[in-house]
Amino acid sequence: MTHLAEAVLQVTGRGGDRKVPGASRALATVSNGLSKSAVFVFSRDS
């Protein structure tokens, strides 16, 4: 879940010391360690 939260923080400009300047899109992947996985895409309008 921390990857999802970090992606949202980056896109909303609240990444603190880890902030990526100008980030408007982020991808976060989640896997259960077996065969199932998901990709989440977060974006914001400029």
PDB file of N, CA and C in Angstrom:
ATOM      1  N   MET A   1       0.809  -1.202   0.000  1.00  0.00           N
ATOM      2  CA  MET A   1       0.000   0.000   0.000  1.00  0.00           C
ATOM      3  C   MET A   1       0.849   1.262   0.000  1.00  0.00           C
ATOM      4  N   THR A   2       2.070   1.184   0.496  1.00  0.00           N
ATOM      5  CA  THR A   2       2.891   2.388   0.524  1.00  0.00           C
ATOM      6  C   THR A   2       3.230   2.875  -0.875  1.00  0.00           C
ATOM      7  N   HIS A   3       3.316   1.970  -1.853  1.00  0.00           N
ATOM      8  CA  HIS A   3       3.583   2.390  -3.224  1.00  0.00           C
ATOM      9  C   HIS A   3       2.415   3.208  -3.776  1.00  0.00           C
ATOM     10  N   LEU A   4       1.203   2.807  -3.436  1.00  0.00           N
ATOM     11  CA  LEU A   4       0.033   3.551  -3.883  1.00  0.00           C
ATOM     12  C   LEU A   4       0.014   4.942  -3.262  1.00  0.00           C
ATOM     13  N   ALA A   5       0.275   5.018  -1.976  1.00  0.00           N
ATOM     14  CA  ALA A   5       0.282   6.309  -1.284  1.00  0.00           C
ATOM     15  C   ALA A   5       1.379   7.208  -1.838  1.00  0.00           C
ATOM     16  N   GLU A   6       2.546   6.668  -2.070  1.00  0.00           N
ATOM     17  CA  GLU A   6       3.656   7.466  -2.601  1.00  0.00           C
ATOM     18  C   GLU A   6       3.328   7.996  -3.991  1.00  0.00           C
ATOM     19  N   ALA A   7       2.694   7.204  -4.825  1.00  0.00           N
ATOM     20  CA  ALA A   7       2.311   7.648  -6.159  1.00  0.00           C
ATOM     21  C   ALA A   7       1.347   8.826  -6.084  1.00  0.00           C
ATOM     22  N   VAL A   8       0.373   8.737  -5.198  1.00  0.00           N
ATOM     23  CA  VAL A   8      -0.581   9.832  -5.038  1.00  0.00           C
ATOM     24  C   VAL A   8       0.122  11.076  -4.506  1.00  0.00           C
ATOM     25  N   LEU A   9       1.009  10.911  -3.537  1.00  0.00           N
ATOM     26  CA  LEU A   9       1.743  12.059  -2.996  1.00  0.00           C
ATOM     27  C   LEU A   9       2.561  12.749  -4.083  1.00  0.00           C
ATOM     28  N   GLN A  10       3.211  11.981  -4.938  1.00  0.00           N
ATOM     29  CA  GLN A  10       4.016  12.561  -6.006  1.00  0.00           C
ATOM     30  C   GLN A  10       3.153  13.354  -6.986  1.00  0.00           C
ATOM     31  N   VAL A  11       2.042  12.785  -7.397  1.00  0.00           N
ATOM     32  CA  VAL A  11       1.189  13.435  -8.387  1.00  0.00           C
ATOM     33  C   VAL A  11       0.535  14.697  -7.815  1.00  0.00           C
ATOM     34  N   THR A  12       0.264  14.702  -6.530  1.00  0.00           N
ATOM     35  CA  THR A  12      -0.376  15.871  -5.917  1.00  0.00           C
ATOM     36  C   THR A  12       0.638  16.885  -5.406  1.00  0.00           C
ATOM     37  N   GLY A  13       1.935  16.625  -5.631  1.00  0.00           N
ATOM     38  CA  GLY A  13       2.962  17.586  -5.249  1.00  0.00           C
ATOM     39  C   GLY A  13       3.303  17.595  -3.777  1.00  0.00           C
ATOM     40  N   ARG A  14       2.968  16.521  -3.061  1.00  0.00           N
ATOM     41  CA  ARG A  14       3.220  16.459  -1.621  1.00  0.00           C
ATOM     42  C   ARG A  14       4.246  15.391  -1.256  1.00  0.00           C
ATOM     43  N   GLY A  15       5.230  15.167  -2.126  1.00  0.00           N
ATOM     44  CA  GLY A  15       6.221  14.120  -1.911  1.00  0.00           C
ATOM     45  C   GLY A  15       7.334  14.474  -0.933  1.00  0.00           C
ATOM     46  N   GLY A  16       7.330  15.693  -0.425  1.00  0.00           N
ATOM     47  CA  GLY A  16       8.353  16.096   0.542  1.00  0.00           C
ATOM     48  C   GLY A  16       9.752  16.009  -0.043  1.00  0.00           C
ATOM     49  N   ASP A  17      10.685  15.440   0.706  1.00  0.00           N
ATOM     50  CA  ASP A  17      12.077  15.312   0.264  1.00  0.00           C
ATOM     51  C   ASP A  17      12.220  14.425  -0.973  1.00  0.00           C
ATOM     52  N   ARG A  18      11.260  13.549  -1.203  1.00  0.00           N
ATOM     53  CA  ARG A  18      11.318  12.630  -2.343  1.00  0.00           C
ATOM     54  C   ARG A  18      10.583  13.175  -3.568  1.00  0.00           C
ATOM     55  N   LYS A  19      10.096  14.408  -3.495  1.00  0.00           N
ATOM     56  CA  LYS A  19       9.267  14.969  -4.556  1.00  0.00           C
ATOM     57  C   LYS A  19       9.989  14.970  -5.903  1.00  0.00           C
ATOM     58  N   VAL A  20       9.272  14.519  -6.913  1.00  0.00           N
ATOM     59  CA  VAL A  20       9.765  14.564  -8.285  1.00  0.00           C
ATOM     60  C   VAL A  20       9.173  15.829  -8.911  1.00  0.00           C
ATOM     61  N   PRO A  21      10.011  16.819  -9.228  1.00  0.00           N
ATOM     62  CA  PRO A  21       9.491  18.084  -9.756  1.00  0.00           C
ATOM     63  C   PRO A  21       8.669  17.890 -11.026  1.00  0.00           C
ATOM     64  N   GLY A  22       7.495  18.466 -11.048  1.00  0.00           N
ATOM     65  CA  GLY A  22       6.655  18.429 -12.238  1.00  0.00           C
ATOM     66  C   GLY A  22       5.937  17.119 -12.495  1.00  0.00           C
ATOM     67  N   ALA A  23       5.939  16.205 -11.544  1.00  0.00           N
ATOM     68  CA  ALA A  23       5.283  14.905 -11.763  1.00  0.00           C
ATOM     69  C   ALA A  23       3.779  15.111 -11.958  1.00  0.00           C
ATOM     70  N   SER A  24       3.258  14.629 -13.070  1.00  0.00           N
ATOM     71  CA  SER A  24       1.821  14.726 -13.311  1.00  0.00           C
ATOM     72  C   SER A  24       1.195  13.350 -13.527  1.00  0.00           C
ATOM     73  N   ARG A  25       2.041  12.332 -13.611  1.00  0.00           N
ATOM     74  CA  ARG A  25       1.569  10.951 -13.753  1.00  0.00           C
ATOM     75  C   ARG A  25       2.445  10.033 -12.922  1.00  0.00           C
ATOM     76  N   ALA A  26       1.846   8.982 -12.391  1.00  0.00           N
ATOM     77  CA  ALA A  26       2.611   7.998 -11.626  1.00  0.00           C
ATOM     78  C   ALA A  26       1.994   6.622 -11.816  1.00  0.00           C
ATOM     79  N   LEU A  27       2.833   5.605 -11.810  1.00  0.00           N
ATOM     80  CA  LEU A  27       2.404   4.210 -11.873  1.00  0.00           C
ATOM     81  C   LEU A  27       2.777   3.540 -10.558  1.00  0.00           C
ATOM     82  N   ALA A  28       1.900   2.697 -10.062  1.00  0.00           N
ATOM     83  CA  ALA A  28       2.206   1.904  -8.873  1.00  0.00           C
ATOM     84  C   ALA A  28       1.775   0.473  -9.153  1.00  0.00           C
ATOM     85  N   THR A  29       2.657  -0.469  -8.845  1.00  0.00           N
ATOM     86  CA  THR A  29       2.331  -1.880  -9.049  1.00  0.00           C
ATOM     87  C   THR A  29       2.165  -2.567  -7.708  1.00  0.00           C
ATOM     88  N   VAL A  30       1.263  -3.531  -7.683  1.00  0.00           N
ATOM     89  CA  VAL A  30       1.008  -4.316  -6.480  1.00  0.00           C
ATOM     90  C   VAL A  30       0.965  -5.778  -6.901  1.00  0.00           C
ATOM     91  N   SER A  31       1.648  -6.629  -6.149  1.00  0.00           N
ATOM     92  CA  SER A  31       1.660  -8.050  -6.450  1.00  0.00           C
ATOM     93  C   SER A  31       1.489  -8.840  -5.162  1.00  0.00           C
ATOM     94  N   ASN A  32       0.805  -9.964  -5.252  1.00  0.00           N
ATOM     95  CA  ASN A  32       0.638 -10.801  -4.068  1.00  0.00           C
ATOM     96  C   ASN A  32       1.753 -11.840  -3.947  1.00  0.00           C
ATOM     97  N   GLY A  33       2.754 -11.761  -4.822  1.00  0.00           N
ATOM     98  CA  GLY A  33       3.887 -12.671  -4.750  1.00  0.00           C
ATOM     99  C   GLY A  33       3.688 -13.982  -5.495  1.00  0.00           C
ATOM    100  N   LEU A  34       2.507 -14.239  -5.951  1.00  0.00           N
ATOM    101  CA  LEU A  34       2.262 -15.466  -6.711  1.00  0.00           C
ATOM    102  C   LEU A  34       2.126 -15.108  -8.182  1.00  0.00           C
ATOM    103  N   SER A  35       0.904 -15.074  -8.678  1.00  0.00           N
ATOM    104  CA  SER A  35       0.732 -14.763 -10.098  1.00  0.00           C
ATOM    105  C   SER A  35      -0.153 -13.550 -10.347  1.00  0.00           C
ATOM    106  N   LYS A  36      -0.833 -13.082  -9.327  1.00  0.00           N
ATOM    107  CA  LYS A  36      -1.743 -11.957  -9.514  1.00  0.00           C
ATOM    108  C   LYS A  36      -1.031 -10.639  -9.238  1.00  0.00           C
ATOM    109  N   SER A  37      -1.267  -9.673 -10.100  1.00  0.00           N
ATOM    110  CA  SER A  37      -0.693  -8.348  -9.892  1.00  0.00           C
ATOM    111  C   SER A  37      -1.623  -7.314 -10.516  1.00  0.00           C
ATOM    112  N   ALA A  38      -1.409  -6.062 -10.118  1.00  0.00           N
ATOM    113  CA  ALA A  38      -2.222  -4.970 -10.641  1.00  0.00           C
ATOM    114  C   ALA A  38      -1.341  -3.746 -10.825  1.00  0.00           C
ATOM    115  N   VAL A  39      -1.738  -2.911 -11.752  1.00  0.00           N
ATOM    116  CA  VAL A  39      -1.047  -1.648 -11.990  1.00  0.00           C
ATOM    117  C   VAL A  39      -2.072  -0.532 -11.832  1.00  0.00           C
ATOM    118  N   PHE A  40      -1.711   0.492 -11.082  1.00  0.00           N
ATOM    119  CA  PHE A  40      -2.562   1.654 -10.886  1.00  0.00           C
ATOM    120  C   PHE A  40      -1.878   2.849 -11.547  1.00  0.00           C
ATOM    121  N   VAL A  41      -2.659   3.627 -12.276  1.00  0.00           N
ATOM    122  CA  VAL A  41      -2.144   4.828 -12.933  1.00  0.00           C
ATOM    123  C   VAL A  41      -2.843   6.034 -12.313  1.00  0.00           C
ATOM    124  N   PHE A  42      -2.037   6.977 -11.843  1.00  0.00           N
ATOM    125  CA  PHE A  42      -2.568   8.208 -11.254  1.00  0.00           C
ATOM    126  C   PHE A  42      -2.104   9.364 -12.123  1.00  0.00           C
ATOM    127  N   SER A  43      -3.000  10.304 -12.391  1.00  0.00           N
ATOM    128  CA  SER A  43      -2.612  11.479 -13.169  1.00  0.00           C
ATOM    129  C   SER A  43      -3.424  12.674 -12.678  1.00  0.00           C
ATOM    130  N   ARG A  44      -2.908  13.845 -13.038  1.00  0.00           N
ATOM    131  CA  ARG A  44      -3.609  15.084 -12.725  1.00  0.00           C
ATOM    132  C   ARG A  44      -3.544  16.001 -13.927  1.00  0.00           C
ATOM    133  N   ASP A  45      -4.516  16.876 -14.022  1.00  0.00           N
ATOM    134  CA  ASP A  45      -4.524  17.864 -15.093  1.00  0.00           C
ATOM    135  C   ASP A  45      -3.527  18.949 -14.734  1.00  0.00           C
ATOM    136  N   SER A  46      -2.833  19.448 -15.727  1.00  0.00           N
ATOM    137  CA  SER A  46      -1.849  20.496 -15.486  1.00  0.00           C
ATOM    138  C   SER A  46      -2.498  21.852 -15.376  1.00  0.00           C
TER     139      SER A  46
END
